[in-house]
Amino acid sequence: MKVKTAKNKISPDGDMIFENAEKGKELFLTALDKVDSSKAVTIDLSKVHEIDSSGFQLLLAFIHTLQGRDIEFKVKKVRTGIFELVKIAGLNKFLRIQTADVIT
């Protein structure tokens, strides 16, 4: 997994699964140092095709870090299958994904 940045956008690229979780934590925190966090940070999940419980834990921990630093966030471009898992797991109250941000 890689994590790309641009202005105020963080884009993980690859599967957010157990095998990538430890490195993913470092990548997300490094990415946060590179973006403009004075505006809402967009987490673009368009390049994430698979996520498991470790990937969700990574994402939620990163969001917790953002909230701890008083940084607003938006989760965008979530694949349909991942959005369905978010709803089943009851995580949308934390991730706040809008239906318009779901892609196929």
Protein backbone atom coordinates (compact mmCIF):
# COMPACT_ATOMS: atom_id res chain seq x y z
CA MET A 1 0.00 0.00 0.00
CA LYS A 2 1.09 3.55 -0.76
CA VAL A 3 -0.38 6.83 0.44
CA LYS A 4 -0.28 9.80 -1.92
CA THR A 5 -0.86 13.43 -1.03
CA ALA A 6 -1.92 16.60 -2.82
CA LYS A 7 -2.78 19.93 -1.14
CA ASN A 8 -5.35 18.81 1.45
CA LYS A 9 -6.01 15.32 0.06
CA ILE A 10 -4.69 11.97 1.30
CA SER A 11 -5.15 9.02 -1.05
CA PRO A 12 -4.29 5.49 0.05
CA ASP A 13 -3.46 3.33 -2.95
CA GLY A 14 -3.79 -0.40 -2.42
CA ASP A 15 -5.57 -2.82 -0.16
CA MET A 16 -6.10 -1.74 3.45
CA ILE A 17 -5.67 -5.17 4.98
CA PHE A 18 -3.86 -6.78 7.90
CA GLU A 19 -0.63 -7.27 5.97
CA ASN A 20 -0.43 -3.52 5.26
CA ALA A 21 -1.76 -2.13 8.54
CA GLU A 22 1.50 -1.42 10.40
CA LYS A 23 3.17 0.27 7.44
CA GLY A 24 -0.12 2.02 6.62
CA LYS A 25 -0.12 3.75 10.01
CA GLU A 26 3.30 5.25 9.31
CA LEU A 27 2.27 6.22 5.78
CA PHE A 28 -0.90 8.00 6.92
CA LEU A 29 0.95 9.99 9.59
CA THR A 30 3.71 10.94 7.15
CA ALA A 31 1.05 12.00 4.63
CA LEU A 32 -0.65 14.15 7.26
CA ASP A 33 2.57 16.12 7.74
CA LYS A 34 2.62 16.86 3.98
CA VAL A 35 -0.92 18.20 3.49
CA ASP A 36 -2.54 21.54 4.20
CA SER A 37 -4.55 20.70 7.29
CA SER A 38 -5.79 24.25 7.75
CA LYS A 39 -8.70 23.16 5.53
CA ALA A 40 -10.71 19.96 5.77
CA VAL A 41 -8.56 16.98 4.83
CA THR A 42 -10.09 14.76 2.16
CA ILE A 43 -9.43 11.04 2.47
CA ASP A 44 -9.86 9.69 -1.08
CA LEU A 45 -10.51 5.94 -1.02
CA SER A 46 -10.95 5.50 -4.80
CA LYS A 47 -7.81 3.33 -5.09
CA VAL A 48 -8.75 1.07 -2.17
CA HIS A 49 -10.38 -2.09 -3.52
CA GLU A 50 -10.23 -4.26 -0.40
CA ILE A 51 -10.43 -3.48 3.29
CA ASP A 52 -10.62 -5.74 6.32
CA SER A 53 -11.04 -5.11 10.03
CA SER A 54 -7.40 -4.04 10.34
CA GLY A 55 -7.89 -1.56 7.50
CA PHE A 56 -10.97 -0.12 9.18
CA GLN A 57 -9.04 0.11 12.44
CA LEU A 58 -6.25 1.97 10.63
CA LEU A 59 -8.74 4.38 9.05
CA LEU A 60 -10.56 5.01 12.33
CA ALA A 61 -7.29 5.54 14.21
CA PHE A 62 -6.21 8.06 11.59
CA ILE A 63 -9.53 9.89 11.88
CA HIS A 64 -9.10 9.89 15.65
CA THR A 65 -5.69 11.52 15.12
CA LEU A 66 -7.29 14.16 12.90
CA GLN A 67 -9.97 14.86 15.49
CA GLY A 68 -7.34 15.09 18.24
CA ARG A 69 -5.62 17.81 16.24
CA ASP A 70 -8.94 19.58 15.49
CA ILE A 71 -8.62 18.83 11.77
CA GLU A 72 -11.87 18.47 9.83
CA PHE A 73 -12.07 15.57 7.39
CA LYS A 74 -14.17 14.17 4.56
CA VAL A 75 -14.12 10.61 3.25
CA LYS A 76 -14.68 10.57 -0.53
CA LYS A 77 -14.82 8.18 -3.48
CA VAL A 78 -15.62 5.02 -1.53
CA ARG A 79 -16.23 1.87 -3.55
CA THR A 80 -19.70 0.37 -3.26
CA GLY A 81 -18.52 -2.86 -1.60
CA ILE A 82 -16.54 -0.97 1.02
CA PHE A 83 -19.47 1.37 1.68
CA GLU A 84 -21.71 -1.67 2.25
CA LEU A 85 -19.23 -2.98 4.84
CA VAL A 86 -19.16 0.45 6.49
CA LYS A 87 -22.96 0.37 6.83
CA ILE A 88 -23.05 -3.24 8.09
CA ALA A 89 -20.36 -2.50 10.68
CA GLY A 90 -22.17 0.66 11.78
CA LEU A 91 -19.11 2.81 11.08
CA ASN A 92 -20.74 5.54 9.02
CA LYS A 93 -21.48 7.61 12.12
CA PHE A 94 -17.69 8.00 12.40
CA LEU A 95 -16.78 8.11 8.71
CA ARG A 96 -19.75 10.27 7.60
CA ILE A 97 -19.70 9.03 4.01
CA GLN A 98 -22.36 10.63 1.83
CA THR A 99 -24.15 8.50 -0.80
CA ALA A 100 -22.87 10.90 -3.47
CA ASP A 101 -19.31 9.92 -2.50
CA VAL A 102 -19.82 6.23 -3.33
CA ILE A 103 -18.34 4.96 -6.61
CA THR A 104 -18.48 1.65 -8.45
